[in-house]
Amino acid sequence: MGIPARGFYVVTQAAQWLSDKDERIALRNLAAVEVDATPVKSDLFNDARSWQRYPDGASDWVFDTSTRSTINVPELPAPTFMMALVLLSTFLLLRWKRLLAGSRPLPRIT
C-alpha cells in the first residue's frame, strides 16, 4: 500500500512522542525499507507547527504552521491567528451594527 498521487499521510499521536530537539521522522514500507524521511529538525517553539513538504510534493521539508486540513501551496496561506481575529472582529462588528439598527440580533456564539 502506498500514498496515492495527490494523497496525504498524516501521523498523529494523543501524547507527545517527539522530544523537540534534533529529530528525524522516517517513513518505511512493510519490508522496513526507508522510503522517505524528514531532515533533522528541532522545534524550539513547541506550538502548532509541523514538518511538511512545501509546496506539496516538493523535495524540501519546512517546519511551519500546521495545515492539516488544507494543502501546502504558496497561493493559499495557512490559517493564522490574525486571520481568525479578523473573522471574529468582522462578525462582532456586524452583530453590533444590527443591534444599533434595531433589527433582530444575530445568534449567540457559544
PDB file of N, CA and C in Angstrom:
ATOM      1  N   MET A   1       0.844  -1.180   0.000  1.00  0.00           N
ATOM      2  CA  MET A   1       0.000   0.000   0.000  1.00  0.00           C
ATOM      3  C   MET A   1       0.887   1.241   0.000  1.00  0.00           C
ATOM      4  N   GLY A   2       0.541   2.205  -0.801  1.00  0.00           N
ATOM      5  CA  GLY A   2       1.302   3.439  -0.862  1.00  0.00           C
ATOM      6  C   GLY A   2       0.388   4.642  -0.719  1.00  0.00           C
ATOM      7  N   ILE A   3       0.985   5.798  -0.716  1.00  0.00           N
ATOM      8  CA  ILE A   3       0.220   7.038  -0.674  1.00  0.00           C
ATOM      9  C   ILE A   3      -0.070   7.410  -2.123  1.00  0.00           C
ATOM     10  N   PRO A   4      -1.341   7.549  -2.494  1.00  0.00           N
ATOM     11  CA  PRO A   4      -1.664   7.853  -3.892  1.00  0.00           C
ATOM     12  C   PRO A   4      -1.195   9.255  -4.284  1.00  0.00           C
ATOM     13  N   ALA A   5      -1.045   9.469  -5.580  1.00  0.00           N
ATOM     14  CA  ALA A   5      -0.704  10.798  -6.077  1.00  0.00           C
ATOM     15  C   ALA A   5      -1.715  11.801  -5.547  1.00  0.00           C
ATOM     16  N   ARG A   6      -1.231  12.933  -5.118  1.00  0.00           N
ATOM     17  CA  ARG A   6      -2.050  13.997  -4.515  1.00  0.00           C
ATOM     18  C   ARG A   6      -2.688  13.557  -3.200  1.00  0.00           C
ATOM     19  N   GLY A   7      -2.198  12.464  -2.632  1.00  0.00           N
ATOM     20  CA  GLY A   7      -2.727  11.975  -1.366  1.00  0.00           C
ATOM     21  C   GLY A   7      -1.919  12.505  -0.194  1.00  0.00           C
ATOM     22  N   PHE A   8      -2.377  12.174   0.982  1.00  0.00           N
ATOM     23  CA  PHE A   8      -1.740  12.641   2.207  1.00  0.00           C
ATOM     24  C   PHE A   8      -1.577  11.484   3.176  1.00  0.00           C
ATOM     25  N   TYR A   9      -0.589  11.584   4.022  1.00  0.00           N
ATOM     26  CA  TYR A   9      -0.412  10.643   5.120  1.00  0.00           C
ATOM     27  C   TYR A   9      -0.147  11.485   6.343  1.00  0.00           C
ATOM     28  N   VAL A  10      -1.092  11.512   7.264  1.00  0.00           N
ATOM     29  CA  VAL A  10      -0.985  12.338   8.457  1.00  0.00           C
ATOM     30  C   VAL A  10      -0.721  11.438   9.643  1.00  0.00           C
ATOM     31  N   VAL A  11       0.313  11.741  10.399  1.00  0.00           N
ATOM     32  CA  VAL A  11       0.661  10.982  11.592  1.00  0.00           C
ATOM     33  C   VAL A  11       0.292  11.829  12.800  1.00  0.00           C
ATOM     34  N   THR A  12      -0.529  11.271  13.681  1.00  0.00           N
ATOM     35  CA  THR A  12      -0.904  11.980  14.906  1.00  0.00           C
ATOM     36  C   THR A  12      -0.729  11.047  16.094  1.00  0.00           C
ATOM     37  N   GLN A  13      -0.545  11.613  17.240  1.00  0.00           N
ATOM     38  CA  GLN A  13      -0.417  10.864  18.494  1.00  0.00           C
ATOM     39  C   GLN A  13      -1.188  11.610  19.568  1.00  0.00           C
ATOM     40  N   ALA A  14      -1.766  10.884  20.503  1.00  0.00           N
ATOM     41  CA  ALA A  14      -2.504  11.505  21.597  1.00  0.00           C
ATOM     42  C   ALA A  14      -1.556  12.216  22.560  1.00  0.00           C
ATOM     43  N   ALA A  15      -0.384  11.663  22.742  1.00  0.00           N
ATOM     44  CA  ALA A  15       0.598  12.265  23.651  1.00  0.00           C
ATOM     45  C   ALA A  15       1.843  12.643  22.851  1.00  0.00           C
ATOM     46  N   GLN A  16       2.608  13.548  23.407  1.00  0.00           N
ATOM     47  CA  GLN A  16       3.837  13.967  22.735  1.00  0.00           C
ATOM     48  C   GLN A  16       4.814  12.800  22.652  1.00  0.00           C
ATOM     49  N   TRP A  17       5.360  12.562  21.467  1.00  0.00           N
ATOM     50  CA  TRP A  17       6.286  11.453  21.275  1.00  0.00           C
ATOM     51  C   TRP A  17       7.589  11.898  20.658  1.00  0.00           C
ATOM     52  N   LEU A  18       7.713  13.192  20.432  1.00  0.00           N
ATOM     53  CA  LEU A  18       8.978  13.749  19.951  1.00  0.00           C
ATOM     54  C   LEU A  18       9.542  14.643  21.043  1.00  0.00           C
ATOM     55  N   SER A  19      10.853  14.709  21.127  1.00  0.00           N
ATOM     56  CA  SER A  19      11.468  15.500  22.195  1.00  0.00           C
ATOM     57  C   SER A  19      11.736  16.939  21.787  1.00  0.00           C
ATOM     58  N   ASP A  20      11.425  17.307  20.556  1.00  0.00           N
ATOM     59  CA  ASP A  20      11.552  18.675  20.042  1.00  0.00           C
ATOM     60  C   ASP A  20      12.966  19.103  19.686  1.00  0.00           C
ATOM     61  N   LYS A  21      13.955  18.245  19.810  1.00  0.00           N
ATOM     62  CA  LYS A  21      15.322  18.656  19.504  1.00  0.00           C
ATOM     63  C   LYS A  21      16.016  17.614  18.633  1.00  0.00           C
ATOM     64  N   ASP A  22      16.536  18.068  17.508  1.00  0.00           N
ATOM     65  CA  ASP A  22      17.329  17.220  16.602  1.00  0.00           C
ATOM     66  C   ASP A  22      16.637  15.902  16.296  1.00  0.00           C
ATOM     67  N   GLU A  23      15.446  15.985  15.733  1.00  0.00           N
ATOM     68  CA  GLU A  23      14.696  14.775  15.448  1.00  0.00           C
ATOM     69  C   GLU A  23      14.476  14.593  13.953  1.00  0.00           C
ATOM     70  N   ARG A  24      14.223  13.356  13.594  1.00  0.00           N
ATOM     71  CA  ARG A  24      14.001  12.970  12.203  1.00  0.00           C
ATOM     72  C   ARG A  24      12.902  11.925  12.201  1.00  0.00           C
ATOM     73  N   ILE A  25      11.998  12.018  11.230  1.00  0.00           N
ATOM     74  CA  ILE A  25      10.927  11.041  11.100  1.00  0.00           C
ATOM     75  C   ILE A  25      11.118  10.320   9.770  1.00  0.00           C
ATOM     76  N   ALA A  26      11.068   8.994   9.807  1.00  0.00           N
ATOM     77  CA  ALA A  26      11.251   8.187   8.591  1.00  0.00           C
ATOM     78  C   ALA A  26       9.973   7.416   8.299  1.00  0.00           C
ATOM     79  N   LEU A  27       9.648   7.323   7.019  1.00  0.00           N
ATOM     80  CA  LEU A  27       8.533   6.521   6.553  1.00  0.00           C
ATOM     81  C   LEU A  27       9.111   5.253   5.941  1.00  0.00           C
ATOM     82  N   ARG A  28       8.700   4.100   6.457  1.00  0.00           N
ATOM     83  CA  ARG A  28       9.222   2.814   5.977  1.00  0.00           C
ATOM     84  C   ARG A  28       8.092   1.979   5.390  1.00  0.00           C
ATOM     85  N   ASN A  29       8.424   1.163   4.414  1.00  0.00           N
ATOM     86  CA  ASN A  29       7.412   0.276   3.840  1.00  0.00           C
ATOM     87  C   ASN A  29       7.308  -0.991   4.686  1.00  0.00           C
ATOM     88  N   LEU A  30       6.499  -1.944   4.258  1.00  0.00           N
ATOM     89  CA  LEU A  30       6.290  -3.174   5.033  1.00  0.00           C
ATOM     90  C   LEU A  30       7.555  -4.000   5.193  1.00  0.00           C
ATOM     91  N   ALA A  31       8.523  -3.827   4.283  1.00  0.00           N
ATOM     92  CA  ALA A  31       9.792  -4.546   4.378  1.00  0.00           C
ATOM     93  C   ALA A  31      10.807  -3.780   5.213  1.00  0.00           C
ATOM     94  N   ALA A  32      10.360  -2.709   5.883  1.00  0.00           N
ATOM     95  CA  ALA A  32      11.198  -1.864   6.740  1.00  0.00           C
ATOM     96  C   ALA A  32      12.245  -1.065   5.963  1.00  0.00           C
ATOM     97  N   VAL A  33      12.027  -0.902   4.671  1.00  0.00           N
ATOM     98  CA  VAL A  33      12.927  -0.088   3.852  1.00  0.00           C
ATOM     99  C   VAL A  33      12.464   1.359   3.938  1.00  0.00           C
ATOM    100  N   GLU A  34      13.386   2.249   4.247  1.00  0.00           N
ATOM    101  CA  GLU A  34      13.049   3.665   4.340  1.00  0.00           C
ATOM    102  C   GLU A  34      12.712   4.203   2.956  1.00  0.00           C
ATOM    103  N   VAL A  35      11.509   4.772   2.824  1.00  0.00           N
ATOM    104  CA  VAL A  35      11.087   5.305   1.525  1.00  0.00           C
ATOM    105  C   VAL A  35      11.033   6.827   1.513  1.00  0.00           C
ATOM    106  N   ASP A  36      11.028   7.438   2.680  1.00  0.00           N
ATOM    107  CA  ASP A  36      11.049   8.895   2.777  1.00  0.00           C
ATOM    108  C   ASP A  36      11.423   9.266   4.206  1.00  0.00           C
ATOM    109  N   ALA A  37      11.933  10.475   4.377  1.00  0.00           N
ATOM    110  CA  ALA A  37      12.295  10.929   5.718  1.00  0.00           C
ATOM    111  C   ALA A  37      12.406  12.441   5.735  1.00  0.00           C
ATOM    112  N   THR A  38      12.162  12.983   6.903  1.00  0.00           N
ATOM    113  CA  THR A  38      12.385  14.418   7.088  1.00  0.00           C
ATOM    114  C   THR A  38      13.866  14.637   7.355  1.00  0.00           C
ATOM    115  N   PRO A  39      14.349  15.845   7.137  1.00  0.00           N
ATOM    116  CA  PRO A  39      15.693  16.148   7.609  1.00  0.00           C
ATOM    117  C   PRO A  39      15.651  16.271   9.137  1.00  0.00           C
ATOM    118  N   VAL A  40      16.793  16.325   9.762  1.00  0.00           N
ATOM    119  CA  VAL A  40      16.842  16.523  11.213  1.00  0.00           C
ATOM    120  C   VAL A  40      16.335  17.930  11.513  1.00  0.00           C
ATOM    121  N   LYS A  41      15.341  18.007  12.380  1.00  0.00           N
ATOM    122  CA  LYS A  41      14.720  19.287  12.718  1.00  0.00           C
ATOM    123  C   LYS A  41      14.605  19.429  14.229  1.00  0.00           C
ATOM    124  N   SER A  42      14.506  20.671  14.671  1.00  0.00           N
ATOM    125  CA  SER A  42      14.247  20.978  16.078  1.00  0.00           C
ATOM    126  C   SER A  42      13.064  21.925  16.162  1.00  0.00           C
ATOM    127  N   ASP A  43      12.216  21.698  17.141  1.00  0.00           N
ATOM    128  CA  ASP A  43      11.049  22.542  17.378  1.00  0.00           C
ATOM    129  C   ASP A  43      11.323  23.348  18.640  1.00  0.00           C
ATOM    130  N   LEU A  44      11.822  24.561  18.458  1.00  0.00           N
ATOM    131  CA  LEU A  44      12.154  25.396  19.608  1.00  0.00           C
ATOM    132  C   LEU A  44      10.944  26.114  20.178  1.00  0.00           C
ATOM    133  N   PHE A  45       9.807  26.047  19.465  1.00  0.00           N
ATOM    134  CA  PHE A  45       8.618  26.788  19.880  1.00  0.00           C
ATOM    135  C   PHE A  45       7.561  25.905  20.536  1.00  0.00           C
ATOM    136  N   ASN A  46       7.520  24.621  20.197  1.00  0.00           N
ATOM    137  CA  ASN A  46       6.561  23.667  20.753  1.00  0.00           C
ATOM    138  C   ASN A  46       5.122  24.194  20.653  1.00  0.00           C
ATOM    139  N   ASP A  47       4.747  24.554  19.423  1.00  0.00           N
ATOM    140  CA  ASP A  47       3.414  25.103  19.191  1.00  0.00           C
ATOM    141  C   ASP A  47       2.729  24.349  18.058  1.00  0.00           C
ATOM    142  N   ALA A  48       1.928  25.018  17.269  1.00  0.00           N
ATOM    143  CA  ALA A  48       1.114  24.363  16.233  1.00  0.00           C
ATOM    144  C   ALA A  48       1.844  24.185  14.901  1.00  0.00           C
ATOM    145  N   ARG A  49       3.156  24.158  14.919  1.00  0.00           N
ATOM    146  CA  ARG A  49       3.893  23.956  13.675  1.00  0.00           C
ATOM    147  C   ARG A  49       4.093  22.470  13.416  1.00  0.00           C
ATOM    148  N   SER A  50       4.322  22.148  12.159  1.00  0.00           N
ATOM    149  CA  SER A  50       4.540  20.751  11.792  1.00  0.00           C
ATOM    150  C   SER A  50       5.594  20.671  10.701  1.00  0.00           C
ATOM    151  N   TRP A  51       6.132  19.471  10.499  1.00  0.00           N
ATOM    152  CA  TRP A  51       7.045  19.229   9.388  1.00  0.00           C
ATOM    153  C   TRP A  51       6.194  18.931   8.184  1.00  0.00           C
ATOM    154  N   GLN A  52       6.463  19.588   7.089  1.00  0.00           N
ATOM    155  CA  GLN A  52       5.644  19.416   5.892  1.00  0.00           C
ATOM    156  C   GLN A  52       6.444  19.737   4.641  1.00  0.00           C
ATOM    157  N   ARG A  53       6.055  19.123   3.558  1.00  0.00           N
ATOM    158  CA  ARG A  53       6.656  19.470   2.269  1.00  0.00           C
ATOM    159  C   ARG A  53       5.960  20.737   1.783  1.00  0.00           C
ATOM    160  N   TYR A  54       6.750  21.700   1.345  1.00  0.00           N
ATOM    161  CA  TYR A  54       6.167  22.957   0.887  1.00  0.00           C
ATOM    162  C   TYR A  54       6.838  23.399  -0.390  1.00  0.00           C
ATOM    163  N   PRO A  55       6.043  23.574  -1.474  1.00  0.00           N
ATOM    164  CA  PRO A  55       4.644  23.188  -1.569  1.00  0.00           C
ATOM    165  C   PRO A  55       4.501  21.678  -1.599  1.00  0.00           C
ATOM    166  N   ASP A  56       3.272  21.201  -1.529  1.00  0.00           N
ATOM    167  CA  ASP A  56       3.023  19.751  -1.542  1.00  0.00           C
ATOM    168  C   ASP A  56       3.791  19.084  -2.669  1.00  0.00           C
ATOM    169  N   GLY A  57       4.404  17.952  -2.370  1.00  0.00           N
ATOM    170  CA  GLY A  57       5.128  17.180  -3.375  1.00  0.00           C
ATOM    171  C   GLY A  57       6.549  17.645  -3.624  1.00  0.00           C
ATOM    172  N   ALA A  58       6.947  18.757  -3.043  1.00  0.00           N
ATOM    173  CA  ALA A  58       8.310  19.262  -3.233  1.00  0.00           C
ATOM    174  C   ALA A  58       9.301  18.377  -2.482  1.00  0.00           C
ATOM    175  N   SER A  59      10.559  18.511  -2.822  1.00  0.00           N
ATOM    176  CA  SER A  59      11.568  17.724  -2.115  1.00  0.00           C
ATOM    177  C   SER A  59      11.966  18.391  -0.802  1.00  0.00           C
ATOM    178  N   ASP A  60      11.677  19.673  -0.662  1.00  0.00           N
ATOM    179  CA  ASP A  60      12.063  20.406   0.542  1.00  0.00           C
ATOM    180  C   ASP A  60      11.038  20.220   1.667  1.00  0.00           C
ATOM    181  N   TRP A  61      11.558  20.009   2.868  1.00  0.00           N
ATOM    182  CA  TRP A  61      10.729  19.951   4.068  1.00  0.00           C
ATOM    183  C   TRP A  61      10.885  21.277   4.793  1.00  0.00           C
ATOM    184  N   VAL A  62       9.783  21.804   5.314  1.00  0.00           N
ATOM    185  CA  VAL A  62       9.831  23.024   6.115  1.00  0.00           C
ATOM    186  C   VAL A  62       9.102  22.764   7.429  1.00  0.00           C
ATOM    187  N   PHE A  63       9.434  23.545   8.416  1.00  0.00           N
ATOM    188  CA  PHE A  63       8.787  23.481   9.713  1.00  0.00           C
ATOM    189  C   PHE A  63       7.943  24.737   9.811  1.00  0.00           C
ATOM    190  N   ASP A  64       6.628  24.606   9.636  1.00  0.00           N
ATOM    191  CA  ASP A  64       5.769  25.774   9.506  1.00  0.00           C
ATOM    192  C   ASP A  64       4.419  25.504  10.155  1.00  0.00           C
ATOM    193  N   THR A  65       3.548  26.512  10.134  1.00  0.00           N
ATOM    194  CA  THR A  65       2.217  26.377  10.707  1.00  0.00           C
ATOM    195  C   THR A  65       1.522  25.163  10.119  1.00  0.00           C
ATOM    196  N   SER A  66       0.933  24.367  10.974  1.00  0.00           N
ATOM    197  CA  SER A  66       0.272  23.144  10.540  1.00  0.00           C
ATOM    198  C   SER A  66      -0.866  23.451   9.577  1.00  0.00           C
ATOM    199  N   THR A  67      -0.956  22.647   8.518  1.00  0.00           N
ATOM    200  CA  THR A  67      -2.003  22.828   7.505  1.00  0.00           C
ATOM    201  C   THR A  67      -2.777  21.525   7.348  1.00  0.00           C
ATOM    202  N   ARG A  68      -3.106  20.904   8.428  1.00  0.00           N
ATOM    203  CA  ARG A  68      -3.706  19.564   8.403  1.00  0.00           C
ATOM    204  C   ARG A  68      -4.936  19.462   7.505  1.00  0.00           C
ATOM    205  N   SER A  69      -5.765  20.487   7.460  1.00  0.00           N
ATOM    206  CA  SER A  69      -6.997  20.420   6.675  1.00  0.00           C
ATOM    207  C   SER A  69      -6.897  21.104   5.320  1.00  0.00           C
ATOM    208  N   THR A  70      -5.720  21.555   4.953  1.00  0.00           N
ATOM    209  CA  THR A  70      -5.554  22.242   3.677  1.00  0.00           C
ATOM    210  C   THR A  70      -4.289  21.760   2.995  1.00  0.00           C
ATOM    211  N   ILE A  71      -4.128  22.163   1.749  1.00  0.00           N
ATOM    212  CA  ILE A  71      -2.928  21.811   1.009  1.00  0.00           C
ATOM    213  C   ILE A  71      -1.843  22.855   1.251  1.00  0.00           C
ATOM    214  N   ASN A  72      -0.606  22.489   1.016  1.00  0.00           N
ATOM    215  CA  ASN A  72       0.527  23.397   1.197  1.00  0.00           C
ATOM    216  C   ASN A  72       0.913  23.995  -0.145  1.00  0.00           C
ATOM    217  N   VAL A  73       0.327  25.119  -0.454  1.00  0.00           N
ATOM    218  CA  VAL A  73       0.682  25.812  -1.692  1.00  0.00           C
ATOM    219  C   VAL A  73       0.878  27.283  -1.391  1.00  0.00           C
ATOM    220  N   PRO A  74       1.833  27.937  -2.042  1.00  0.00           N
ATOM    221  CA  PRO A  74       2.093  29.354  -1.760  1.00  0.00           C
ATOM    222  C   PRO A  74       0.893  30.263  -1.993  1.00  0.00           C
ATOM    223  N   GLU A  75       0.004  29.908  -2.927  1.00  0.00           N
ATOM    224  CA  GLU A  75      -1.134  30.772  -3.238  1.00  0.00           C
ATOM    225  C   GLU A  75      -2.202  30.743  -2.161  1.00  0.00           C
ATOM    226  N   LEU A  76      -2.225  29.711  -1.328  1.00  0.00           N
ATOM    227  CA  LEU A  76      -3.235  29.580  -0.295  1.00  0.00           C
ATOM    228  C   LEU A  76      -2.567  29.567   1.072  1.00  0.00           C
ATOM    229  N   PRO A  77      -2.493  30.724   1.727  1.00  0.00           N
ATOM    230  CA  PRO A  77      -1.811  30.755   3.025  1.00  0.00           C
ATOM    231  C   PRO A  77      -2.542  29.924   4.069  1.00  0.00           C
ATOM    232  N   ALA A  78      -1.788  29.364   4.969  1.00  0.00           N
ATOM    233  CA  ALA A  78      -2.371  28.593   6.065  1.00  0.00           C
ATOM    234  C   ALA A  78      -3.118  29.538   6.996  1.00  0.00           C
ATOM    235  N   PRO A  79      -4.180  29.044   7.627  1.00  0.00           N
ATOM    236  CA  PRO A  79      -4.897  29.891   8.576  1.00  0.00           C
ATOM    237  C   PRO A  79      -3.969  30.341   9.697  1.00  0.00           C
ATOM    238  N   THR A  80      -4.097  31.588  10.082  1.00  0.00           N
ATOM    239  CA  THR A  80      -3.254  32.129  11.139  1.00  0.00           C
ATOM    240  C   THR A  80      -4.124  32.722  12.230  1.00  0.00           C
ATOM    241  N   PHE A  81      -3.516  33.053  13.324  1.00  0.00           N
ATOM    242  CA  PHE A  81      -4.227  33.704  14.423  1.00  0.00           C
ATOM    243  C   PHE A  81      -4.816  35.020  13.946  1.00  0.00           C
ATOM    244  N   MET A  82      -4.056  35.774  13.133  1.00  0.00           N
ATOM    245  CA  MET A  82      -4.533  37.062  12.649  1.00  0.00           C
ATOM    246  C   MET A  82      -5.778  36.883  11.772  1.00  0.00           C
ATOM    247  N   MET A  83      -5.795  35.845  10.935  1.00  0.00           N
ATOM    248  CA  MET A  83      -6.971  35.608  10.100  1.00  0.00           C
ATOM    249  C   MET A  83      -8.191  35.311  10.969  1.00  0.00           C
ATOM    250  N   ALA A  84      -8.012  34.525  12.007  1.00  0.00           N
ATOM    251  CA  ALA A  84      -9.113  34.205  12.916  1.00  0.00           C
ATOM    252  C   ALA A  84      -9.593  35.458  13.632  1.00  0.00           C
ATOM    253  N   LEU A  85      -8.659  36.311  14.030  1.00  0.00           N
ATOM    254  CA  LEU A  85      -9.007  37.560  14.717  1.00  0.00           C
ATOM    255  C   LEU A  85      -9.805  38.472  13.796  1.00  0.00           C
ATOM    256  N   VAL A  86      -9.416  38.549  12.540  1.00  0.00           N
ATOM    257  CA  VAL A  86     -10.146  39.381  11.570  1.00  0.00           C
ATOM    258  C   VAL A  86     -11.559  38.849  11.378  1.00  0.00           C
ATOM    259  N   LEU A  87     -11.714  37.530  11.244  1.00  0.00           N
ATOM    260  CA  LEU A  87     -13.053  36.959  11.079  1.00  0.00           C
ATOM    261  C   LEU A  87     -13.935  37.218  12.296  1.00  0.00           C
ATOM    262  N   LEU A  88     -13.382  37.049  13.489  1.00  0.00           N
ATOM    263  CA  LEU A  88     -14.148  37.288  14.700  1.00  0.00           C
ATOM    264  C   LEU A  88     -14.515  38.765  14.811  1.00  0.00           C
ATOM    265  N   SER A  89     -13.585  39.657  14.522  1.00  0.00           N
ATOM    266  CA  SER A  89     -13.853  41.095  14.583  1.00  0.00           C
ATOM    267  C   SER A  89     -14.951  41.486  13.610  1.00  0.00           C
ATOM    268  N   THR A  90     -14.912  40.931  12.401  1.00  0.00           N
ATOM    269  CA  THR A  90     -15.935  41.229  11.400  1.00  0.00           C
ATOM    270  C   THR A  90     -17.296  40.760  11.876  1.00  0.00           C
ATOM    271  N   PHE A  91     -17.360  39.551  12.428  1.00  0.00           N
ATOM    272  CA  PHE A  91     -18.623  39.031  12.945  1.00  0.00           C
ATOM    273  C   PHE A  91     -19.169  39.934  14.055  1.00  0.00           C
ATOM    274  N   LEU A  92     -18.313  40.327  14.993  1.00  0.00           N
ATOM    275  CA  LEU A  92     -18.763  41.166  16.106  1.00  0.00           C
ATOM    276  C   LEU A  92     -19.199  42.546  15.623  1.00  0.00           C
ATOM    277  N   LEU A  93     -18.512  43.095  14.645  1.00  0.00           N
ATOM    278  CA  LEU A  93     -18.888  44.394  14.096  1.00  0.00           C
ATOM    279  C   LEU A  93     -20.257  44.312  13.427  1.00  0.00           C
ATOM    280  N   LEU A  94     -20.500  43.261  12.649  1.00  0.00           N
ATOM    281  CA  LEU A  94     -21.801  43.097  12.010  1.00  0.00           C
ATOM    282  C   LEU A  94     -22.905  42.929  13.051  1.00  0.00           C
ATOM    283  N   ARG A  95     -22.612  42.190  14.096  1.00  0.00           N
ATOM    284  CA  ARG A  95     -23.592  41.995  15.170  1.00  0.00           C
ATOM    285  C   ARG A  95     -23.918  43.328  15.845  1.00  0.00           C
ATOM    286  N   TRP A  96     -22.912  44.127  16.116  1.00  0.00           N
ATOM    287  CA  TRP A  96     -23.081  45.429  16.760  1.00  0.00           C
ATOM    288  C   TRP A  96     -23.909  46.352  15.867  1.00  0.00           C
ATOM    289  N   LYS A  97     -23.641  46.369  14.569  1.00  0.00           N
ATOM    290  CA  LYS A  97     -24.391  47.216  13.643  1.00  0.00           C
ATOM    291  C   LYS A  97     -25.860  46.811  13.600  1.00  0.00           C
ATOM    292  N   ARG A  98     -26.123  45.514  13.636  1.00  0.00           N
ATOM    293  CA  ARG A  98     -27.517  45.050  13.624  1.00  0.00           C
ATOM    294  C   ARG A  98     -28.233  45.447  14.913  1.00  0.00           C
ATOM    295  N   LEU A  99     -27.533  45.362  16.019  1.00  0.00           N
ATOM    296  CA  LEU A  99     -28.150  45.752  17.292  1.00  0.00           C
ATOM    297  C   LEU A  99     -28.451  47.245  17.306  1.00  0.00           C
ATOM    298  N   LEU A 100     -27.542  48.060  16.804  1.00  0.00           N
ATOM    299  CA  LEU A 100     -27.756  49.506  16.762  1.00  0.00           C
ATOM    300  C   LEU A 100     -28.883  49.880  15.811  1.00  0.00           C
ATOM    301  N   ALA A 101     -29.031  49.125  14.739  1.00  0.00           N
ATOM    302  CA  ALA A 101     -30.084  49.408  13.762  1.00  0.00           C
ATOM    303  C   ALA A 101     -31.449  48.921  14.245  1.00  0.00           C
ATOM    304  N   GLY A 102     -31.500  48.219  15.365  1.00  0.00           N
ATOM    305  CA  GLY A 102     -32.766  47.764  15.922  1.00  0.00           C
ATOM    306  C   GLY A 102     -33.315  46.513  15.259  1.00  0.00           C
ATOM    307  N   SER A 103     -32.545  45.884  14.430  1.00  0.00           N
ATOM    308  CA  SER A 103     -33.026  44.655  13.801  1.00  0.00           C
ATOM    309  C   SER A 103     -32.808  43.472  14.744  1.00  0.00           C
ATOM    310  N   ARG A 104     -33.328  42.354  14.340  1.00  0.00           N
ATOM    311  CA  ARG A 104     -33.175  41.132  15.136  1.00  0.00           C
ATOM    312  C   ARG A 104     -31.702  40.803  15.323  1.00  0.00           C
ATOM    313  N   PRO A 105     -31.253  40.521  16.551  1.00  0.00           N
ATOM    314  CA  PRO A 105     -29.826  40.218  16.775  1.00  0.00           C
ATOM    315  C   PRO A 105     -29.401  38.886  16.137  1.00  0.00           C
ATOM    316  N   LEU A 106     -28.148  38.807  15.848  1.00  0.00           N
ATOM    317  CA  LEU A 106     -27.565  37.568  15.334  1.00  0.00           C
ATOM    318  C   LEU A 106     -27.535  36.523  16.444  1.00  0.00           C
ATOM    319  N   PRO A 107     -27.478  35.255  16.106  1.00  0.00           N
ATOM    320  CA  PRO A 107     -27.430  34.220  17.144  1.00  0.00           C
ATOM    321  C   PRO A 107     -26.180  34.360  18.006  1.00  0.00           C
ATOM    322  N   ARG A 108     -26.305  33.903  19.255  1.00  0.00           N
ATOM    323  CA  ARG A 108     -25.186  33.954  20.181  1.00  0.00           C
ATOM    324  C   ARG A 108     -24.091  32.968  19.796  1.00  0.00           C
ATOM    325  N   ILE A 109     -22.849  33.332  20.124  1.00  0.00           N
ATOM    326  CA  ILE A 109     -21.726  32.423  19.967  1.00  0.00           C
ATOM    327  C   ILE A 109     -21.593  31.662  21.264  1.00  0.00           C
ATOM    328  N   THR A 110     -21.624  30.343  21.200  1.00  0.00           N
ATOM    329  CA  THR A 110     -21.485  29.578  22.439  1.00  0.00           C
ATOM    330  C   THR A 110     -20.268  28.715  22.381  1.00  0.00           C
TER     331      THR A 110
END
